[in-house]
Amino acid sequence: MPIILTTPNSTLLPSYISALERSWTRDGDHDPEGASAQLARIAQNAEEFLASLTDLEGAGPPVVLNDGSTVPRLSRARYWISDGEFAGDLSLRWQKGTSDLPAYCLGHLGYAVLPWKRGRNYAAQAILQLAPLAQSHGLSWIDIAMGIDNLASRRSAEKAGAVLLRQFNAGPEADNQEALLFRLDV
C-alpha cells in the first residue's frame, strides 16, 4: 500500500493519539516524554503540540546527551507517515548551511513505524519521499545511523537506495553502541 509523508496535522492527530494510548512512542523506551506526557500536552493544547514537533531554526533548548553533556539543538523537521491514518514518524535533523553533521549527531534521520503496521515497506517509502524535502533544506545527502543489530532499519535504508558507508562505535554519548552508517544521495 502506498503511503504519504506529511507534516504533523490535526487530521492525523486522532490516530496518533490512538497509537499513544496503545503505549507506542516514537523512541520506545528511550522517549523522555513518554506517551502519557504527550497525551497531556495534546489535551492541553493540540495545535501547540503539533507546532512543537518542528524547529526549522534549531531555536529550542540544548539537547542533553546520554553521557549528561549538552549540545546545541539542530534544525529539525518532523513528518508523519500516513496510510490514511497515522502509521509512523520520521524526523530529519541538519546543521544549517552544510550537509555535514556535528560529531554528536550520528545521522540526519530517525524513523519509527507502528508495530502493527510494520512489514509493509512504509519506512523505505517514507525515506524515498523525504529525499526532495531534505534537498529543500539544503542537504545533498542523508546519513542514516542505526544499531548494528537493527535489521529492520538496515533493510529499510537499503530498499530506499542508501549505501553502507561504515561500521563504527557510536561513542559514550550513545552508550558505545556498535552502529552502521548508511548514506542516501538526494
N, C-alpha and C. Protein backbone atom coordinates (compact mmCIF):
# COMPACT_ATOMS: atom_id res chain seq x y z
N MET A 1 0.85 -1.18 0.00
CA MET A 1 0.00 0.00 0.00
C MET A 1 0.89 1.24 0.00
N PRO A 2 0.61 2.21 -0.86
CA PRO A 2 1.41 3.43 -0.86
C PRO A 2 1.08 4.29 0.37
N ILE A 3 2.09 5.00 0.79
CA ILE A 3 1.92 5.90 1.93
C ILE A 3 2.21 7.33 1.46
N ILE A 4 1.86 8.29 2.31
CA ILE A 4 2.27 9.67 2.08
C ILE A 4 3.00 10.16 3.32
N LEU A 5 3.94 11.02 3.07
CA LEU A 5 4.69 11.67 4.14
C LEU A 5 4.13 13.07 4.27
N THR A 6 3.73 13.44 5.47
CA THR A 6 3.08 14.73 5.67
C THR A 6 3.58 15.37 6.96
N THR A 7 3.40 16.66 7.08
CA THR A 7 3.73 17.31 8.35
C THR A 7 2.68 16.89 9.38
N PRO A 8 3.05 16.85 10.66
CA PRO A 8 2.06 16.54 11.69
C PRO A 8 0.86 17.47 11.58
N ASN A 9 -0.35 16.91 11.64
CA ASN A 9 -1.54 17.73 11.41
C ASN A 9 -2.74 17.21 12.21
N SER A 10 -3.74 18.06 12.30
CA SER A 10 -4.91 17.74 13.11
C SER A 10 -5.75 16.61 12.51
N THR A 11 -5.65 16.38 11.20
CA THR A 11 -6.40 15.29 10.57
C THR A 11 -5.90 13.94 11.06
N LEU A 12 -4.57 13.79 11.19
CA LEU A 12 -4.00 12.52 11.64
C LEU A 12 -3.86 12.44 13.16
N LEU A 13 -4.09 13.55 13.85
CA LEU A 13 -3.90 13.58 15.30
C LEU A 13 -4.73 12.52 16.03
N PRO A 14 -6.00 12.27 15.69
CA PRO A 14 -6.74 11.22 16.42
C PRO A 14 -6.07 9.84 16.33
N SER A 15 -5.53 9.48 15.16
CA SER A 15 -4.88 8.17 15.07
C SER A 15 -3.50 8.19 15.73
N TYR A 16 -2.85 9.35 15.82
CA TYR A 16 -1.61 9.48 16.59
C TYR A 16 -1.93 9.27 18.07
N ILE A 17 -2.99 9.91 18.53
CA ILE A 17 -3.43 9.74 19.93
C ILE A 17 -3.74 8.28 20.21
N SER A 18 -4.41 7.62 19.29
CA SER A 18 -4.73 6.20 19.45
C SER A 18 -3.45 5.37 19.62
N ALA A 19 -2.40 5.68 18.85
CA ALA A 19 -1.13 4.97 18.99
C ALA A 19 -0.52 5.22 20.37
N LEU A 20 -0.57 6.47 20.83
CA LEU A 20 -0.05 6.79 22.17
C LEU A 20 -0.85 6.05 23.24
N GLU A 21 -2.15 5.96 23.06
CA GLU A 21 -3.00 5.25 24.03
C GLU A 21 -2.69 3.75 24.07
N ARG A 22 -2.09 3.25 23.01
CA ARG A 22 -1.64 1.85 22.98
C ARG A 22 -0.20 1.73 23.48
N SER A 23 0.29 2.79 24.12
CA SER A 23 1.63 2.87 24.72
C SER A 23 2.76 2.92 23.70
N TRP A 24 2.47 3.29 22.46
CA TRP A 24 3.53 3.49 21.48
C TRP A 24 4.14 4.87 21.66
N THR A 25 5.43 4.95 21.56
CA THR A 25 6.12 6.24 21.43
C THR A 25 7.19 6.08 20.38
N ARG A 26 7.54 7.16 19.75
CA ARG A 26 8.49 7.15 18.65
C ARG A 26 9.79 6.48 19.02
N ASP A 27 10.29 6.75 20.19
CA ASP A 27 11.59 6.23 20.61
C ASP A 27 11.48 5.09 21.61
N GLY A 28 10.31 4.49 21.71
CA GLY A 28 10.14 3.35 22.61
C GLY A 28 10.57 3.67 24.03
N ASP A 29 11.42 2.84 24.58
CA ASP A 29 11.87 3.03 25.96
C ASP A 29 12.77 4.24 26.14
N HIS A 30 13.26 4.79 25.03
CA HIS A 30 14.19 5.92 25.13
C HIS A 30 13.48 7.27 25.05
N ASP A 31 12.17 7.28 25.01
CA ASP A 31 11.42 8.52 24.86
C ASP A 31 11.30 9.20 26.22
N PRO A 32 12.00 10.33 26.40
CA PRO A 32 11.97 11.00 27.70
C PRO A 32 10.60 11.58 28.04
N GLU A 33 9.79 11.82 27.02
CA GLU A 33 8.49 12.42 27.25
C GLU A 33 7.43 11.37 27.57
N GLY A 34 7.51 10.24 26.92
CA GLY A 34 6.56 9.17 27.17
C GLY A 34 5.19 9.46 26.61
N ALA A 35 4.43 8.40 26.42
CA ALA A 35 3.09 8.53 25.85
C ALA A 35 2.16 9.37 26.73
N SER A 36 2.19 9.15 28.03
CA SER A 36 1.26 9.88 28.90
C SER A 36 1.56 11.38 28.90
N ALA A 37 2.83 11.74 28.86
CA ALA A 37 3.18 13.17 28.83
C ALA A 37 2.74 13.80 27.51
N GLN A 38 2.90 13.07 26.40
CA GLN A 38 2.46 13.61 25.11
C GLN A 38 0.94 13.76 25.08
N LEU A 39 0.23 12.78 25.61
CA LEU A 39 -1.23 12.88 25.67
C LEU A 39 -1.67 14.08 26.49
N ALA A 40 -0.98 14.35 27.59
CA ALA A 40 -1.31 15.51 28.42
C ALA A 40 -1.06 16.81 27.66
N ARG A 41 0.04 16.89 26.94
CA ARG A 41 0.33 18.10 26.15
C ARG A 41 -0.70 18.31 25.05
N ILE A 42 -1.12 17.21 24.41
CA ILE A 42 -2.13 17.32 23.36
C ILE A 42 -3.46 17.79 23.95
N ALA A 43 -3.83 17.24 25.10
CA ALA A 43 -5.09 17.64 25.75
C ALA A 43 -5.05 19.11 26.16
N GLN A 44 -3.89 19.58 26.56
CA GLN A 44 -3.75 20.98 26.99
C GLN A 44 -3.85 21.93 25.80
N ASN A 45 -3.14 21.61 24.68
CA ASN A 45 -3.17 22.49 23.52
C ASN A 45 -2.65 21.71 22.31
N ALA A 46 -3.56 21.13 21.56
CA ALA A 46 -3.19 20.26 20.44
C ALA A 46 -2.39 21.01 19.37
N GLU A 47 -2.80 22.21 19.03
CA GLU A 47 -2.09 22.97 17.99
C GLU A 47 -0.67 23.32 18.42
N GLU A 48 -0.50 23.67 19.68
CA GLU A 48 0.84 23.96 20.19
C GLU A 48 1.71 22.70 20.16
N PHE A 49 1.13 21.57 20.51
CA PHE A 49 1.85 20.30 20.45
C PHE A 49 2.32 20.02 19.03
N LEU A 50 1.42 20.13 18.06
CA LEU A 50 1.78 19.87 16.67
C LEU A 50 2.89 20.81 16.20
N ALA A 51 2.79 22.08 16.56
CA ALA A 51 3.82 23.06 16.16
C ALA A 51 5.17 22.75 16.79
N SER A 52 5.17 22.17 17.98
CA SER A 52 6.42 21.90 18.69
C SER A 52 7.24 20.77 18.05
N LEU A 53 6.64 20.02 17.16
CA LEU A 53 7.32 18.88 16.56
C LEU A 53 8.34 19.28 15.49
N THR A 54 8.30 20.52 15.06
CA THR A 54 9.23 21.02 14.05
C THR A 54 9.91 22.27 14.57
N ASP A 55 11.21 22.37 14.32
CA ASP A 55 12.00 23.53 14.73
C ASP A 55 13.02 23.80 13.63
N LEU A 56 12.59 24.46 12.57
CA LEU A 56 13.43 24.68 11.39
C LEU A 56 14.65 25.55 11.69
N GLU A 57 14.60 26.32 12.74
CA GLU A 57 15.72 27.20 13.08
C GLU A 57 16.65 26.60 14.14
N GLY A 58 16.27 25.49 14.73
CA GLY A 58 17.10 24.92 15.80
C GLY A 58 17.14 25.83 17.01
N ALA A 59 16.02 26.50 17.26
CA ALA A 59 15.97 27.51 18.32
C ALA A 59 15.59 26.93 19.68
N GLY A 60 15.30 25.65 19.75
CA GLY A 60 14.88 25.04 21.00
C GLY A 60 16.03 24.95 22.00
N PRO A 61 15.74 24.45 23.19
CA PRO A 61 16.77 24.34 24.23
C PRO A 61 17.85 23.34 23.83
N PRO A 62 19.01 23.41 24.45
CA PRO A 62 20.08 22.46 24.15
C PRO A 62 19.61 21.02 24.39
N VAL A 63 20.29 20.09 23.73
CA VAL A 63 19.98 18.67 23.85
C VAL A 63 20.92 18.06 24.88
N VAL A 64 20.37 17.25 25.78
CA VAL A 64 21.18 16.55 26.77
C VAL A 64 21.46 15.15 26.23
N LEU A 65 22.74 14.81 26.06
CA LEU A 65 23.13 13.51 25.55
C LEU A 65 23.12 12.47 26.67
N ASN A 66 23.22 11.19 26.29
CA ASN A 66 23.21 10.09 27.26
C ASN A 66 24.28 10.23 28.33
N ASP A 67 25.41 10.84 27.97
CA ASP A 67 26.51 10.98 28.93
C ASP A 67 26.35 12.21 29.82
N GLY A 68 25.22 12.95 29.66
CA GLY A 68 24.94 14.11 30.50
C GLY A 68 25.41 15.43 29.92
N SER A 69 26.22 15.40 28.87
CA SER A 69 26.68 16.65 28.27
C SER A 69 25.55 17.30 27.47
N THR A 70 25.66 18.60 27.26
CA THR A 70 24.65 19.31 26.47
C THR A 70 25.29 19.85 25.19
N VAL A 71 24.50 19.85 24.14
CA VAL A 71 24.96 20.32 22.83
C VAL A 71 23.86 21.19 22.22
N PRO A 72 24.23 22.05 21.27
CA PRO A 72 23.20 22.88 20.63
C PRO A 72 22.19 22.04 19.87
N ARG A 73 20.96 22.49 19.88
CA ARG A 73 19.90 21.82 19.14
C ARG A 73 20.08 22.11 17.65
N LEU A 74 19.90 21.09 16.83
CA LEU A 74 19.96 21.25 15.38
C LEU A 74 18.58 21.61 14.84
N SER A 75 18.56 22.14 13.64
CA SER A 75 17.29 22.34 12.95
C SER A 75 16.67 20.98 12.73
N ARG A 76 15.34 20.92 12.80
CA ARG A 76 14.68 19.62 12.60
C ARG A 76 13.28 19.82 12.04
N ALA A 77 12.89 18.83 11.26
CA ALA A 77 11.53 18.79 10.72
C ALA A 77 10.98 17.39 10.99
N ARG A 78 9.77 17.34 11.46
CA ARG A 78 9.12 16.07 11.77
C ARG A 78 8.07 15.82 10.72
N TYR A 79 7.98 14.59 10.28
CA TYR A 79 6.98 14.17 9.31
C TYR A 79 6.27 12.94 9.83
N TRP A 80 5.01 12.83 9.46
CA TRP A 80 4.24 11.65 9.82
C TRP A 80 4.02 10.80 8.57
N ILE A 81 4.11 9.50 8.75
CA ILE A 81 3.83 8.53 7.69
C ILE A 81 2.34 8.20 7.80
N SER A 82 1.65 8.28 6.67
CA SER A 82 0.20 8.02 6.69
C SER A 82 -0.19 7.02 5.61
N ASP A 83 -1.02 6.08 5.99
CA ASP A 83 -1.66 5.17 5.04
C ASP A 83 -3.18 5.40 5.10
N GLY A 84 -3.54 6.63 5.40
CA GLY A 84 -4.93 7.01 5.63
C GLY A 84 -5.13 7.35 7.09
N GLU A 85 -4.23 6.83 7.93
CA GLU A 85 -4.17 7.17 9.35
C GLU A 85 -2.69 7.21 9.74
N PHE A 86 -2.41 7.66 10.94
CA PHE A 86 -1.02 7.72 11.40
C PHE A 86 -0.42 6.33 11.39
N ALA A 87 0.74 6.19 10.73
CA ALA A 87 1.40 4.88 10.62
C ALA A 87 2.84 4.90 11.13
N GLY A 88 3.38 6.09 11.33
CA GLY A 88 4.76 6.18 11.80
C GLY A 88 5.26 7.61 11.77
N ASP A 89 6.52 7.74 12.11
CA ASP A 89 7.10 9.06 12.34
C ASP A 89 8.51 9.08 11.75
N LEU A 90 8.87 10.20 11.17
CA LEU A 90 10.18 10.37 10.59
C LEU A 90 10.68 11.76 10.99
N SER A 91 11.92 11.84 11.45
CA SER A 91 12.47 13.11 11.89
C SER A 91 13.77 13.38 11.15
N LEU A 92 13.88 14.54 10.55
CA LEU A 92 15.08 14.97 9.82
C LEU A 92 15.75 16.08 10.60
N ARG A 93 17.06 15.94 10.84
CA ARG A 93 17.81 17.00 11.53
C ARG A 93 19.01 17.38 10.67
N TRP A 94 19.40 18.63 10.77
CA TRP A 94 20.50 19.11 9.96
C TRP A 94 21.13 20.33 10.59
N GLN A 95 22.31 20.63 10.11
CA GLN A 95 23.06 21.81 10.52
C GLN A 95 22.96 22.80 9.37
N LYS A 96 22.47 23.98 9.63
CA LYS A 96 22.24 24.95 8.56
C LYS A 96 23.52 25.24 7.77
N GLY A 97 23.36 25.28 6.45
CA GLY A 97 24.45 25.66 5.57
C GLY A 97 25.39 24.54 5.16
N THR A 98 25.15 23.32 5.63
CA THR A 98 26.02 22.20 5.27
C THR A 98 25.27 20.88 5.39
N SER A 99 25.72 19.89 4.64
CA SER A 99 25.17 18.54 4.79
C SER A 99 25.88 17.78 5.90
N ASP A 100 27.04 18.29 6.33
CA ASP A 100 27.79 17.65 7.40
C ASP A 100 27.06 17.82 8.72
N LEU A 101 27.25 16.86 9.60
CA LEU A 101 26.66 16.90 10.93
C LEU A 101 27.76 17.05 11.97
N PRO A 102 27.46 17.67 13.11
CA PRO A 102 28.45 17.70 14.19
C PRO A 102 28.68 16.28 14.71
N ALA A 103 29.82 16.04 15.31
CA ALA A 103 30.21 14.70 15.77
C ALA A 103 29.17 14.08 16.70
N TYR A 104 28.46 14.88 17.48
CA TYR A 104 27.49 14.33 18.43
C TYR A 104 26.20 13.86 17.79
N CYS A 105 25.99 14.16 16.52
CA CYS A 105 24.77 13.73 15.82
C CYS A 105 25.17 12.68 14.80
N LEU A 106 24.74 11.46 15.01
CA LEU A 106 25.20 10.33 14.21
C LEU A 106 24.53 10.23 12.84
N GLY A 107 23.37 10.83 12.68
CA GLY A 107 22.67 10.76 11.40
C GLY A 107 21.64 11.85 11.26
N HIS A 108 21.24 12.11 10.02
CA HIS A 108 20.21 13.12 9.74
C HIS A 108 18.81 12.62 10.06
N LEU A 109 18.64 11.32 10.11
CA LEU A 109 17.31 10.76 10.06
C LEU A 109 17.03 9.78 11.19
N GLY A 110 15.84 9.88 11.75
CA GLY A 110 15.33 8.89 12.68
C GLY A 110 13.92 8.54 12.23
N TYR A 111 13.54 7.28 12.36
CA TYR A 111 12.21 6.90 11.92
C TYR A 111 11.70 5.72 12.72
N ALA A 112 10.38 5.64 12.79
CA ALA A 112 9.71 4.55 13.50
C ALA A 112 8.36 4.31 12.87
N VAL A 113 8.04 3.05 12.66
CA VAL A 113 6.74 2.65 12.14
C VAL A 113 6.01 1.92 13.27
N LEU A 114 4.72 2.16 13.38
CA LEU A 114 3.93 1.48 14.41
C LEU A 114 4.12 -0.02 14.32
N PRO A 115 4.26 -0.71 15.44
CA PRO A 115 4.50 -2.16 15.41
C PRO A 115 3.44 -2.92 14.60
N TRP A 116 2.20 -2.50 14.67
CA TRP A 116 1.13 -3.21 13.97
C TRP A 116 1.03 -2.82 12.50
N LYS A 117 1.95 -1.96 12.03
CA LYS A 117 1.97 -1.58 10.61
C LYS A 117 3.32 -1.92 9.96
N ARG A 118 4.16 -2.62 10.69
CA ARG A 118 5.48 -2.98 10.15
C ARG A 118 5.35 -4.09 9.11
N GLY A 119 6.40 -4.25 8.32
CA GLY A 119 6.43 -5.29 7.30
C GLY A 119 5.71 -4.89 6.02
N ARG A 120 5.39 -3.62 5.87
CA ARG A 120 4.67 -3.13 4.69
C ARG A 120 5.51 -2.20 3.83
N ASN A 121 6.80 -2.10 4.14
CA ASN A 121 7.73 -1.27 3.38
C ASN A 121 7.48 0.24 3.58
N TYR A 122 6.79 0.61 4.66
CA TYR A 122 6.48 2.02 4.89
C TYR A 122 7.72 2.88 5.12
N ALA A 123 8.69 2.37 5.89
CA ALA A 123 9.87 3.18 6.20
C ALA A 123 10.66 3.49 4.93
N ALA A 124 10.87 2.50 4.09
CA ALA A 124 11.63 2.73 2.84
C ALA A 124 10.90 3.73 1.95
N GLN A 125 9.57 3.59 1.84
CA GLN A 125 8.79 4.55 1.04
C GLN A 125 8.92 5.96 1.60
N ALA A 126 8.87 6.07 2.92
CA ALA A 126 8.96 7.39 3.56
C ALA A 126 10.33 8.01 3.34
N ILE A 127 11.39 7.21 3.43
CA ILE A 127 12.75 7.73 3.19
C ILE A 127 12.85 8.26 1.76
N LEU A 128 12.31 7.54 0.80
CA LEU A 128 12.35 8.00 -0.59
C LEU A 128 11.58 9.31 -0.76
N GLN A 129 10.43 9.44 -0.08
CA GLN A 129 9.66 10.68 -0.17
C GLN A 129 10.35 11.82 0.55
N LEU A 130 11.20 11.50 1.51
CA LEU A 130 11.92 12.53 2.26
C LEU A 130 13.02 13.18 1.43
N ALA A 131 13.60 12.45 0.48
CA ALA A 131 14.76 12.94 -0.26
C ALA A 131 14.57 14.35 -0.83
N PRO A 132 13.49 14.64 -1.57
CA PRO A 132 13.35 16.01 -2.09
C PRO A 132 13.12 17.04 -0.98
N LEU A 133 12.50 16.63 0.12
CA LEU A 133 12.30 17.55 1.24
C LEU A 133 13.65 17.88 1.88
N ALA A 134 14.52 16.88 2.00
CA ALA A 134 15.86 17.11 2.55
C ALA A 134 16.63 18.07 1.65
N GLN A 135 16.49 17.89 0.37
CA GLN A 135 17.16 18.78 -0.58
C GLN A 135 16.65 20.22 -0.42
N SER A 136 15.37 20.39 -0.15
CA SER A 136 14.82 21.74 0.04
C SER A 136 15.36 22.40 1.30
N HIS A 137 15.89 21.60 2.24
CA HIS A 137 16.52 22.15 3.44
C HIS A 137 18.02 22.32 3.25
N GLY A 138 18.50 22.16 2.01
CA GLY A 138 19.91 22.40 1.70
C GLY A 138 20.82 21.19 1.82
N LEU A 139 20.25 20.00 1.99
CA LEU A 139 21.08 18.81 2.13
C LEU A 139 21.38 18.18 0.78
N SER A 140 22.60 17.67 0.63
CA SER A 140 23.00 16.93 -0.57
C SER A 140 22.88 15.43 -0.36
N TRP A 141 22.88 15.02 0.89
CA TRP A 141 22.74 13.62 1.24
C TRP A 141 22.08 13.51 2.61
N ILE A 142 21.61 12.29 2.89
CA ILE A 142 21.04 11.98 4.20
C ILE A 142 21.86 10.84 4.78
N ASP A 143 22.43 11.05 5.95
CA ASP A 143 23.11 9.97 6.67
C ASP A 143 22.10 9.32 7.60
N ILE A 144 22.11 7.98 7.60
CA ILE A 144 21.19 7.20 8.42
C ILE A 144 22.02 6.26 9.28
N ALA A 145 22.01 6.49 10.58
CA ALA A 145 22.77 5.65 11.51
C ALA A 145 21.79 4.75 12.27
N MET A 146 22.26 3.53 12.57
CA MET A 146 21.42 2.59 13.30
C MET A 146 22.30 1.60 14.04
N GLY A 147 21.76 1.03 15.09
CA GLY A 147 22.47 -0.03 15.80
C GLY A 147 22.74 -1.19 14.86
N ILE A 148 23.87 -1.83 15.06
CA ILE A 148 24.28 -2.92 14.17
C ILE A 148 23.27 -4.06 14.14
N ASP A 149 22.50 -4.22 15.20
CA ASP A 149 21.53 -5.31 15.26
C ASP A 149 20.12 -4.91 14.81
N ASN A 150 19.95 -3.69 14.31
CA ASN A 150 18.64 -3.21 13.87
C ASN A 150 18.42 -3.60 12.41
N LEU A 151 18.06 -4.85 12.19
CA LEU A 151 17.93 -5.38 10.84
C LEU A 151 16.79 -4.73 10.06
N ALA A 152 15.70 -4.38 10.72
CA ALA A 152 14.58 -3.75 10.03
C ALA A 152 14.99 -2.39 9.47
N SER A 153 15.69 -1.59 10.26
CA SER A 153 16.15 -0.28 9.78
C SER A 153 17.16 -0.43 8.65
N ARG A 154 18.02 -1.43 8.78
CA ARG A 154 19.00 -1.67 7.72
C ARG A 154 18.29 -2.01 6.41
N ARG A 155 17.32 -2.90 6.45
CA ARG A 155 16.58 -3.27 5.23
C ARG A 155 15.86 -2.05 4.65
N SER A 156 15.28 -1.21 5.50
CA SER A 156 14.57 -0.03 5.01
C SER A 156 15.52 0.93 4.31
N ALA A 157 16.68 1.17 4.91
CA ALA A 157 17.68 2.06 4.29
C ALA A 157 18.14 1.50 2.95
N GLU A 158 18.41 0.21 2.90
CA GLU A 158 18.87 -0.42 1.65
C GLU A 158 17.78 -0.37 0.57
N LYS A 159 16.53 -0.64 0.94
CA LYS A 159 15.43 -0.60 -0.03
C LYS A 159 15.24 0.81 -0.59
N ALA A 160 15.56 1.82 0.22
CA ALA A 160 15.45 3.21 -0.23
C ALA A 160 16.63 3.62 -1.10
N GLY A 161 17.63 2.76 -1.21
CA GLY A 161 18.79 3.07 -2.05
C GLY A 161 20.00 3.60 -1.31
N ALA A 162 19.95 3.63 0.02
CA ALA A 162 21.09 4.11 0.80
C ALA A 162 22.22 3.08 0.73
N VAL A 163 23.44 3.57 0.80
CA VAL A 163 24.63 2.74 0.68
C VAL A 163 25.35 2.71 2.02
N LEU A 164 25.79 1.52 2.43
CA LEU A 164 26.54 1.38 3.68
C LEU A 164 27.89 2.05 3.53
N LEU A 165 28.19 3.01 4.42
CA LEU A 165 29.50 3.69 4.43
C LEU A 165 30.48 2.99 5.35
N ARG A 166 30.00 2.65 6.57
CA ARG A 166 30.94 2.05 7.52
C ARG A 166 30.21 1.55 8.76
N GLN A 167 30.92 0.70 9.49
CA GLN A 167 30.53 0.31 10.83
C GLN A 167 31.38 1.15 11.78
N PHE A 168 30.82 1.55 12.93
CA PHE A 168 31.56 2.40 13.85
C PHE A 168 31.04 2.23 15.27
N ASN A 169 31.82 2.71 16.22
CA ASN A 169 31.39 2.77 17.61
C ASN A 169 30.76 4.14 17.81
N ALA A 170 29.52 4.16 18.29
CA ALA A 170 28.77 5.41 18.41
C ALA A 170 29.27 6.31 19.54
N GLY A 171 30.18 5.85 20.36
CA GLY A 171 30.77 6.69 21.40
C GLY A 171 29.98 6.71 22.69
N PRO A 172 30.57 7.33 23.72
CA PRO A 172 29.94 7.32 25.04
C PRO A 172 28.59 8.03 25.08
N GLU A 173 28.39 9.04 24.22
CA GLU A 173 27.10 9.74 24.23
C GLU A 173 25.97 8.85 23.73
N ALA A 174 26.33 7.71 23.10
CA ALA A 174 25.33 6.74 22.64
C ALA A 174 25.64 5.36 23.22
N ASP A 175 26.14 5.35 24.44
CA ASP A 175 26.40 4.11 25.19
C ASP A 175 27.37 3.16 24.49
N ASN A 176 28.29 3.72 23.68
CA ASN A 176 29.30 2.92 22.97
C ASN A 176 28.71 1.79 22.13
N GLN A 177 27.54 2.00 21.62
CA GLN A 177 26.86 1.01 20.79
C GLN A 177 27.58 0.87 19.44
N GLU A 178 27.69 -0.36 18.95
CA GLU A 178 28.20 -0.58 17.59
C GLU A 178 27.08 -0.20 16.62
N ALA A 179 27.45 0.54 15.58
CA ALA A 179 26.44 1.08 14.68
C ALA A 179 26.89 0.98 13.23
N LEU A 180 25.93 1.20 12.35
CA LEU A 180 26.17 1.25 10.91
C LEU A 180 25.77 2.62 10.43
N LEU A 181 26.51 3.14 9.43
CA LEU A 181 26.18 4.42 8.83
C LEU A 181 25.91 4.21 7.35
N PHE A 182 24.69 4.55 6.93
CA PHE A 182 24.28 4.50 5.54
C PHE A 182 24.17 5.93 5.02
N ARG A 183 24.32 6.09 3.70
CA ARG A 183 24.15 7.41 3.09
C ARG A 183 23.25 7.28 1.87
N LEU A 184 22.32 8.24 1.75
CA LEU A 184 21.44 8.33 0.59
C LEU A 184 21.66 9.70 -0.05
N ASP A 185 22.11 9.72 -1.29
CA ASP A 185 22.25 10.99 -2.01
C ASP A 185 20.86 11.49 -2.38
N VAL A 186 20.66 12.81 -2.27
CA VAL A 186 19.33 13.36 -2.57
C VAL A 186 19.37 14.27 -3.78
